[in-house]
Amino acid sequence: LNPEQAYIWRDALEAEGIKCRVVGDYLDAGIG
């Protein structure tokens, strides 16, 4: 829903040893 949620999910995945990437975070900063 938002970048904060994405990074919480990323942290949960990385804690389990799963490599992941957040894509598209803060895209709305430049264009609304």
PDB file of all heavy atoms in Angstrom:
ATOM      1  N   LEU A   1       0.820  -1.209   0.000  1.00  0.00           N
ATOM      2  CA  LEU A   1       0.000   0.000   0.000  1.00  0.00           C
ATOM      3  C   LEU A   1       0.854   1.259   0.000  1.00  0.00           C
ATOM      4  O   LEU A   1       0.443   2.299  -0.508  1.00  0.00           O
ATOM      5  CB  LEU A   1      -0.926   0.014   1.212  1.00  0.00           C
ATOM      6  CG  LEU A   1      -1.972  -1.097   1.261  1.00  0.00           C
ATOM      7  CD1 LEU A   1      -2.740  -1.047   2.577  1.00  0.00           C
ATOM      8  CD2 LEU A   1      -2.921  -0.977   0.079  1.00  0.00           C
ATOM      9  N   ASN A   2       2.060   1.148   0.592  1.00  0.00           N
ATOM     10  CA  ASN A   2       2.943   2.303   0.715  1.00  0.00           C
ATOM     11  C   ASN A   2       4.377   1.813   0.924  1.00  0.00           C
ATOM     12  O   ASN A   2       4.590   0.625   1.189  1.00  0.00           O
ATOM     13  CB  ASN A   2       2.490   3.210   1.867  1.00  0.00           C
ATOM     14  CG  ASN A   2       2.349   2.451   3.165  1.00  0.00           C
ATOM     15  OD1 ASN A   2       3.274   1.779   3.607  1.00  0.00           O
ATOM     16  ND2 ASN A   2       1.173   2.526   3.773  1.00  0.00           N
ATOM     17  N   PRO A   3       5.363   2.699   0.818  1.00  0.00           N
ATOM     18  CA  PRO A   3       6.760   2.278   0.987  1.00  0.00           C
ATOM     19  C   PRO A   3       7.049   1.681   2.361  1.00  0.00           C
ATOM     20  O   PRO A   3       7.834   0.737   2.473  1.00  0.00           O
ATOM     21  CB  PRO A   3       7.556   3.568   0.772  1.00  0.00           C
ATOM     22  CG  PRO A   3       6.684   4.394  -0.110  1.00  0.00           C
ATOM     23  CD  PRO A   3       5.283   4.093   0.345  1.00  0.00           C
ATOM     24  N   GLU A   4       6.416   2.194   3.399  1.00  0.00           N
ATOM     25  CA  GLU A   4       6.669   1.673   4.745  1.00  0.00           C
ATOM     26  C   GLU A   4       6.303   0.196   4.828  1.00  0.00           C
ATOM     27  O   GLU A   4       7.061  -0.614   5.373  1.00  0.00           O
ATOM     28  CB  GLU A   4       5.899   2.481   5.791  1.00  0.00           C
ATOM     29  CG  GLU A   4       6.381   3.907   5.950  1.00  0.00           C
ATOM     30  CD  GLU A   4       5.861   4.874   4.876  1.00  0.00           C
ATOM     31  OE1 GLU A   4       4.922   4.530   4.110  1.00  0.00           O
ATOM     32  OE2 GLU A   4       6.423   5.977   4.786  1.00  0.00           O
ATOM     33  N   GLN A   5       5.137  -0.169   4.299  1.00  0.00           N
ATOM     34  CA  GLN A   5       4.718  -1.560   4.304  1.00  0.00           C
ATOM     35  C   GLN A   5       5.690  -2.414   3.496  1.00  0.00           C
ATOM     36  O   GLN A   5       6.051  -3.513   3.906  1.00  0.00           O
ATOM     37  CB  GLN A   5       3.305  -1.691   3.742  1.00  0.00           C
ATOM     38  CG  GLN A   5       2.789  -3.119   3.752  1.00  0.00           C
ATOM     39  CD  GLN A   5       1.412  -3.241   3.150  1.00  0.00           C
ATOM     40  OE1 GLN A   5       1.134  -2.658   2.107  1.00  0.00           O
ATOM     41  NE2 GLN A   5       0.544  -3.991   3.807  1.00  0.00           N
ATOM     42  N   ALA A   6       6.122  -1.911   2.357  1.00  0.00           N
ATOM     43  CA  ALA A   6       7.056  -2.658   1.517  1.00  0.00           C
ATOM     44  C   ALA A   6       8.351  -2.959   2.264  1.00  0.00           C
ATOM     45  O   ALA A   6       8.879  -4.070   2.167  1.00  0.00           O
ATOM     46  CB  ALA A   6       7.350  -1.877   0.238  1.00  0.00           C
ATOM     47  N   TYR A   7       8.847  -1.996   3.010  1.00  0.00           N
ATOM     48  CA  TYR A   7      10.104  -2.214   3.736  1.00  0.00           C
ATOM     49  C   TYR A   7       9.928  -3.117   4.949  1.00  0.00           C
ATOM     50  O   TYR A   7      10.851  -3.853   5.317  1.00  0.00           O
ATOM     51  CB  TYR A   7      10.762  -0.883   4.088  1.00  0.00           C
ATOM     52  CG  TYR A   7      11.439  -0.295   2.870  1.00  0.00           C
ATOM     53  CD1 TYR A   7      10.851   0.729   2.150  1.00  0.00           C
ATOM     54  CD2 TYR A   7      12.644  -0.818   2.410  1.00  0.00           C
ATOM     55  CE1 TYR A   7      11.443   1.240   1.006  1.00  0.00           C
ATOM     56  CE2 TYR A   7      13.249  -0.321   1.266  1.00  0.00           C
ATOM     57  CZ  TYR A   7      12.647   0.704   0.569  1.00  0.00           C
ATOM     58  OH  TYR A   7      13.239   1.189  -0.571  1.00  0.00           O
ATOM     59  N   ILE A   8       8.762  -3.125   5.548  1.00  0.00           N
ATOM     60  CA  ILE A   8       8.480  -4.089   6.620  1.00  0.00           C
ATOM     61  C   ILE A   8       8.497  -5.501   6.041  1.00  0.00           C
ATOM     62  O   ILE A   8       9.080  -6.423   6.621  1.00  0.00           O
ATOM     63  CB  ILE A   8       7.134  -3.771   7.308  1.00  0.00           C
ATOM     64  CG1 ILE A   8       7.262  -2.491   8.137  1.00  0.00           C
ATOM     65  CG2 ILE A   8       6.661  -4.947   8.172  1.00  0.00           C
ATOM     66  CD1 ILE A   8       5.949  -1.939   8.646  1.00  0.00           C
ATOM     67  N   TRP A   9       7.856  -5.676   4.889  1.00  0.00           N
ATOM     68  CA  TRP A   9       7.868  -6.977   4.226  1.00  0.00           C
ATOM     69  C   TRP A   9       9.275  -7.377   3.832  1.00  0.00           C
ATOM     70  O   TRP A   9       9.674  -8.527   3.995  1.00  0.00           O
ATOM     71  CB  TRP A   9       6.970  -6.953   2.999  1.00  0.00           C
ATOM     72  CG  TRP A   9       5.508  -6.910   3.303  1.00  0.00           C
ATOM     73  CD1 TRP A   9       4.896  -7.117   4.505  1.00  0.00           C
ATOM     74  CD2 TRP A   9       4.457  -6.648   2.378  1.00  0.00           C
ATOM     75  NE1 TRP A   9       3.535  -6.999   4.376  1.00  0.00           N
ATOM     76  CE2 TRP A   9       3.241  -6.715   3.085  1.00  0.00           C
ATOM     77  CE3 TRP A   9       4.434  -6.360   1.023  1.00  0.00           C
ATOM     78  CZ2 TRP A   9       2.011  -6.511   2.469  1.00  0.00           C
ATOM     79  CZ3 TRP A   9       3.212  -6.155   0.412  1.00  0.00           C
ATOM     80  CH2 TRP A   9       2.015  -6.235   1.121  1.00  0.00           C
ATOM     81  N   ARG A  10      10.048  -6.434   3.291  1.00  0.00           N
ATOM     82  CA  ARG A  10      11.433  -6.738   2.908  1.00  0.00           C
ATOM     83  C   ARG A  10      12.222  -7.228   4.114  1.00  0.00           C
ATOM     84  O   ARG A  10      12.942  -8.227   4.039  1.00  0.00           O
ATOM     85  CB  ARG A  10      12.109  -5.504   2.321  1.00  0.00           C
ATOM     86  CG  ARG A  10      13.556  -5.795   1.886  1.00  0.00           C
ATOM     87  CD  ARG A  10      14.410  -4.578   1.843  1.00  0.00           C
ATOM     88  NE  ARG A  10      14.539  -3.994   3.170  1.00  0.00           N
ATOM     89  CZ  ARG A  10      15.174  -2.867   3.414  1.00  0.00           C
ATOM     90  NH1 ARG A  10      15.712  -2.189   2.414  1.00  0.00           N
ATOM     91  NH2 ARG A  10      15.269  -2.398   4.632  1.00  0.00           N
ATOM     92  N   ASP A  11      12.076  -6.542   5.236  1.00  0.00           N
ATOM     93  CA  ASP A  11      12.797  -6.936   6.445  1.00  0.00           C
ATOM     94  C   ASP A  11      12.394  -8.342   6.904  1.00  0.00           C
ATOM     95  O   ASP A  11      13.240  -9.135   7.321  1.00  0.00           O
ATOM     96  CB  ASP A  11      12.563  -5.929   7.565  1.00  0.00           C
ATOM     97  CG  ASP A  11      13.203  -4.574   7.285  1.00  0.00           C
ATOM     98  OD1 ASP A  11      14.027  -4.477   6.352  1.00  0.00           O
ATOM     99  OD2 ASP A  11      12.860  -3.611   7.998  1.00  0.00           O
ATOM    100  N   ALA A  12      11.102  -8.660   6.812  1.00  0.00           N
ATOM    101  CA  ALA A  12      10.626  -9.992   7.203  1.00  0.00           C
ATOM    102  C   ALA A  12      11.214 -11.068   6.295  1.00  0.00           C
ATOM    103  O   ALA A  12      11.642 -12.133   6.766  1.00  0.00           O
ATOM    104  CB  ALA A  12       9.101 -10.039   7.173  1.00  0.00           C
ATOM    105  N   LEU A  13      11.265 -10.790   4.995  1.00  0.00           N
ATOM    106  CA  LEU A  13      11.834 -11.754   4.055  1.00  0.00           C
ATOM    107  C   LEU A  13      13.325 -11.934   4.285  1.00  0.00           C
ATOM    108  O   LEU A  13      13.828 -13.063   4.310  1.00  0.00           O
ATOM    109  CB  LEU A  13      11.559 -11.311   2.615  1.00  0.00           C
ATOM    110  CG  LEU A  13      10.097 -11.359   2.182  1.00  0.00           C
ATOM    111  CD1 LEU A  13       9.922 -10.666   0.838  1.00  0.00           C
ATOM    112  CD2 LEU A  13       9.589 -12.791   2.126  1.00  0.00           C
ATOM    113  N   GLU A  14      14.038 -10.842   4.452  1.00  0.00           N
ATOM    114  CA  GLU A  14      15.483 -10.931   4.659  1.00  0.00           C
ATOM    115  C   GLU A  14      15.814 -11.628   5.975  1.00  0.00           C
ATOM    116  O   GLU A  14      16.819 -12.329   6.065  1.00  0.00           O
ATOM    117  CB  GLU A  14      16.111  -9.553   4.577  1.00  0.00           C
ATOM    118  CG  GLU A  14      16.112  -9.022   3.145  1.00  0.00           C
ATOM    119  CD  GLU A  14      16.767  -7.666   2.981  1.00  0.00           C
ATOM    120  OE1 GLU A  14      17.048  -7.000   4.000  1.00  0.00           O
ATOM    121  OE2 GLU A  14      16.987  -7.272   1.819  1.00  0.00           O
ATOM    122  N   ALA A  15      14.962 -11.478   6.990  1.00  0.00           N
ATOM    123  CA  ALA A  15      15.174 -12.174   8.262  1.00  0.00           C
ATOM    124  C   ALA A  15      15.081 -13.687   8.083  1.00  0.00           C
ATOM    125  O   ALA A  15      15.682 -14.445   8.849  1.00  0.00           O
ATOM    126  CB  ALA A  15      14.162 -11.698   9.299  1.00  0.00           C
ATOM    127  N   GLU A  16      14.360 -14.124   7.048  1.00  0.00           N
ATOM    128  CA  GLU A  16      14.237 -15.549   6.732  1.00  0.00           C
ATOM    129  C   GLU A  16      15.264 -16.000   5.698  1.00  0.00           C
ATOM    130  O   GLU A  16      15.207 -17.126   5.215  1.00  0.00           O
ATOM    131  CB  GLU A  16      12.828 -15.854   6.218  1.00  0.00           C
ATOM    132  CG  GLU A  16      11.750 -15.641   7.261  1.00  0.00           C
ATOM    133  CD  GLU A  16      11.876 -16.606   8.433  1.00  0.00           C
ATOM    134  OE1 GLU A  16      12.250 -17.776   8.208  1.00  0.00           O
ATOM    135  OE2 GLU A  16      11.597 -16.179   9.570  1.00  0.00           O
ATOM    136  N   GLY A  17      16.185 -15.110   5.333  1.00  0.00           N
ATOM    137  CA  GLY A  17      17.236 -15.458   4.386  1.00  0.00           C
ATOM    138  C   GLY A  17      16.815 -15.400   2.927  1.00  0.00           C
ATOM    139  O   GLY A  17      17.471 -15.978   2.065  1.00  0.00           O
ATOM    140  N   ILE A  18      15.722 -14.695   2.648  1.00  0.00           N
ATOM    141  CA  ILE A  18      15.228 -14.578   1.278  1.00  0.00           C
ATOM    142  C   ILE A  18      15.670 -13.235   0.714  1.00  0.00           C
ATOM    143  O   ILE A  18      15.309 -12.187   1.246  1.00  0.00           O
ATOM    144  CB  ILE A  18      13.690 -14.693   1.238  1.00  0.00           C
ATOM    145  CG1 ILE A  18      13.249 -16.045   1.803  1.00  0.00           C
ATOM    146  CG2 ILE A  18      13.177 -14.492  -0.184  1.00  0.00           C
ATOM    147  CD1 ILE A  18      11.763 -16.169   2.036  1.00  0.00           C
ATOM    148  N   LYS A  19      16.460 -13.280  -0.341  1.00  0.00           N
ATOM    149  CA  LYS A  19      16.889 -12.042  -0.993  1.00  0.00           C
ATOM    150  C   LYS A  19      15.713 -11.449  -1.739  1.00  0.00           C
ATOM    151  O   LYS A  19      14.974 -12.158  -2.434  1.00  0.00           O
ATOM    152  CB  LYS A  19      18.035 -12.314  -1.966  1.00  0.00           C
ATOM    153  CG  LYS A  19      19.308 -12.726  -1.297  1.00  0.00           C
ATOM    154  CD  LYS A  19      20.393 -12.929  -2.325  1.00  0.00           C
ATOM    155  CE  LYS A  19      21.673 -13.366  -1.649  1.00  0.00           C
ATOM    156  NZ  LYS A  19      22.737 -13.585  -2.618  1.00  0.00           N
ATOM    157  N   CYS A  20      15.523 -10.150  -1.591  1.00  0.00           N
ATOM    158  CA  CYS A  20      14.412  -9.497  -2.273  1.00  0.00           C
ATOM    159  C   CYS A  20      14.764  -8.046  -2.557  1.00  0.00           C
ATOM    160  O   CYS A  20      15.793  -7.540  -2.096  1.00  0.00           O
ATOM    161  CB  CYS A  20      13.138  -9.579  -1.433  1.00  0.00           C
ATOM    162  SG  CYS A  20      13.232  -8.692   0.115  1.00  0.00           S
ATOM    163  N   ARG A  21      13.883  -7.405  -3.296  1.00  0.00           N
ATOM    164  CA  ARG A  21      14.089  -6.006  -3.657  1.00  0.00           C
ATOM    165  C   ARG A  21      12.754  -5.294  -3.634  1.00  0.00           C
ATOM    166  O   ARG A  21      11.749  -5.826  -4.097  1.00  0.00           O
ATOM    167  CB  ARG A  21      14.705  -5.906  -5.041  1.00  0.00           C
ATOM    168  CG  ARG A  21      14.932  -4.485  -5.517  1.00  0.00           C
ATOM    169  CD  ARG A  21      15.696  -4.464  -6.805  1.00  0.00           C
ATOM    170  NE  ARG A  21      17.018  -5.030  -6.623  1.00  0.00           N
ATOM    171  CZ  ARG A  21      18.128  -4.307  -6.549  1.00  0.00           C
ATOM    172  NH1 ARG A  21      18.084  -3.010  -6.685  1.00  0.00           N
ATOM    173  NH2 ARG A  21      19.295  -4.880  -6.396  1.00  0.00           N
ATOM    174  N   VAL A  22      12.766  -4.080  -3.101  1.00  0.00           N
ATOM    175  CA  VAL A  22      11.605  -3.205  -3.187  1.00  0.00           C
ATOM    176  C   VAL A  22      11.762  -2.392  -4.465  1.00  0.00           C
ATOM    177  O   VAL A  22      12.788  -1.762  -4.680  1.00  0.00           O
ATOM    178  CB  VAL A  22      11.501  -2.267  -1.960  1.00  0.00           C
ATOM    179  CG1 VAL A  22      10.354  -1.282  -2.134  1.00  0.00           C
ATOM    180  CG2 VAL A  22      11.335  -3.070  -0.673  1.00  0.00           C
ATOM    181  N   VAL A  23      10.742  -2.420  -5.318  1.00  0.00           N
ATOM    182  CA  VAL A  23      10.764  -1.708  -6.587  1.00  0.00           C
ATOM    183  C   VAL A  23       9.609  -0.715  -6.605  1.00  0.00           C
ATOM    184  O   VAL A  23       8.495  -1.048  -6.230  1.00  0.00           O
ATOM    185  CB  VAL A  23      10.623  -2.697  -7.773  1.00  0.00           C
ATOM    186  CG1 VAL A  23      10.564  -1.959  -9.091  1.00  0.00           C
ATOM    187  CG2 VAL A  23      11.762  -3.697  -7.753  1.00  0.00           C
ATOM    188  N   GLY A  24       9.890   0.498  -7.025  1.00  0.00           N
ATOM    189  CA  GLY A  24       8.836   1.493  -7.174  1.00  0.00           C
ATOM    190  C   GLY A  24       8.544   2.286  -5.917  1.00  0.00           C
ATOM    191  O   GLY A  24       7.550   2.999  -5.859  1.00  0.00           O
ATOM    192  N   ASP A  25       9.418   2.172  -4.916  1.00  0.00           N
ATOM    193  CA  ASP A  25       9.204   2.954  -3.706  1.00  0.00           C
ATOM    194  C   ASP A  25       9.453   4.430  -4.005  1.00  0.00           C
ATOM    195  O   ASP A  25      10.371   4.790  -4.703  1.00  0.00           O
ATOM    196  CB  ASP A  25      10.100   2.466  -2.570  1.00  0.00           C
ATOM    197  CG  ASP A  25      11.563   2.412  -2.950  1.00  0.00           C
ATOM    198  OD1 ASP A  25      11.866   2.246  -4.142  1.00  0.00           O
ATOM    199  OD2 ASP A  25      12.407   2.518  -2.048  1.00  0.00           O
ATOM    200  N   TYR A  26       8.586   5.223  -3.532  1.00  0.00           N
ATOM    201  CA  TYR A  26       8.672   6.678  -3.670  1.00  0.00           C
ATOM    202  C   TYR A  26       8.542   7.186  -5.100  1.00  0.00           C
ATOM    203  O   TYR A  26       8.926   8.302  -5.398  1.00  0.00           O
ATOM    204  CB  TYR A  26       9.942   7.216  -2.997  1.00  0.00           C
ATOM    205  CG  TYR A  26       9.959   6.873  -1.531  1.00  0.00           C
ATOM    206  CD1 TYR A  26      10.820   5.914  -1.029  1.00  0.00           C
ATOM    207  CD2 TYR A  26       9.082   7.497  -0.659  1.00  0.00           C
ATOM    208  CE1 TYR A  26      10.805   5.580   0.318  1.00  0.00           C
ATOM    209  CE2 TYR A  26       9.063   7.167   0.690  1.00  0.00           C
ATOM    210  CZ  TYR A  26       9.932   6.213   1.167  1.00  0.00           C
ATOM    211  OH  TYR A  26       9.912   5.882   2.500  1.00  0.00           O
ATOM    212  N   LEU A  27       7.966   6.376  -5.995  1.00  0.00           N
ATOM    213  CA  LEU A  27       7.690   6.889  -7.342  1.00  0.00           C
ATOM    214  C   LEU A  27       6.712   8.051  -7.285  1.00  0.00           C
ATOM    215  O   LEU A  27       6.789   8.978  -8.083  1.00  0.00           O
ATOM    216  CB  LEU A  27       7.093   5.788  -8.231  1.00  0.00           C
ATOM    217  CG  LEU A  27       8.058   4.831  -8.882  1.00  0.00           C
ATOM    218  CD1 LEU A  27       7.284   3.751  -9.634  1.00  0.00           C
ATOM    219  CD2 LEU A  27       9.003   5.541  -9.816  1.00  0.00           C
ATOM    220  N   ASP A  28       5.797   7.990  -6.326  1.00  0.00           N
ATOM    221  CA  ASP A  28       4.783   9.040  -6.217  1.00  0.00           C
ATOM    222  C   ASP A  28       5.369  10.375  -5.772  1.00  0.00           C
ATOM    223  O   ASP A  28       4.750  11.415  -5.941  1.00  0.00           O
ATOM    224  CB  ASP A  28       3.648   8.623  -5.297  1.00  0.00           C
ATOM    225  CG  ASP A  28       4.096   8.334  -3.877  1.00  0.00           C
ATOM    226  OD1 ASP A  28       5.313   8.161  -3.656  1.00  0.00           O
ATOM    227  OD2 ASP A  28       3.225   8.282  -2.998  1.00  0.00           O
ATOM    228  N   ALA A  29       6.581  10.380  -5.260  1.00  0.00           N
ATOM    229  CA  ALA A  29       7.191  11.629  -4.796  1.00  0.00           C
ATOM    230  C   ALA A  29       7.401  12.611  -5.945  1.00  0.00           C
ATOM    231  O   ALA A  29       7.269  13.814  -5.767  1.00  0.00           O
ATOM    232  CB  ALA A  29       8.526  11.347  -4.108  1.00  0.00           C
ATOM    233  N   GLY A  30       7.697  12.091  -7.106  1.00  0.00           N
ATOM    234  CA  GLY A  30       7.973  12.973  -8.239  1.00  0.00           C
ATOM    235  C   GLY A  30       6.761  13.314  -9.080  1.00  0.00           C
ATOM    236  O   GLY A  30       6.723  14.359  -9.714  1.00  0.00           O
ATOM    237  N   ILE A  31       5.755  12.424  -9.066  1.00  0.00           N
ATOM    238  CA  ILE A  31       4.631  12.653  -9.971  1.00  0.00           C
ATOM    239  C   ILE A  31       3.277  12.599  -9.282  1.00  0.00           C
ATOM    240  O   ILE A  31       2.250  12.651  -9.940  1.00  0.00           O
ATOM    241  CB  ILE A  31       4.671  11.652 -11.138  1.00  0.00           C
ATOM    242  CG1 ILE A  31       4.727  10.218 -10.638  1.00  0.00           C
ATOM    243  CG2 ILE A  31       5.790  11.953 -12.078  1.00  0.00           C
ATOM    244  CD1 ILE A  31       4.748   9.174 -11.726  1.00  0.00           C
ATOM    245  N   GLY A  32       3.249  12.479  -7.999  1.00  0.00           N
ATOM    246  CA  GLY A  32       1.983  12.469  -7.275  1.00  0.00           C
ATOM    247  C   GLY A  32       1.414  11.079  -7.103  1.00  0.00           C
ATOM    248  O   GLY A  32       1.960  10.098  -7.585  1.00  0.00           O
TER     249      GLY A  32
END
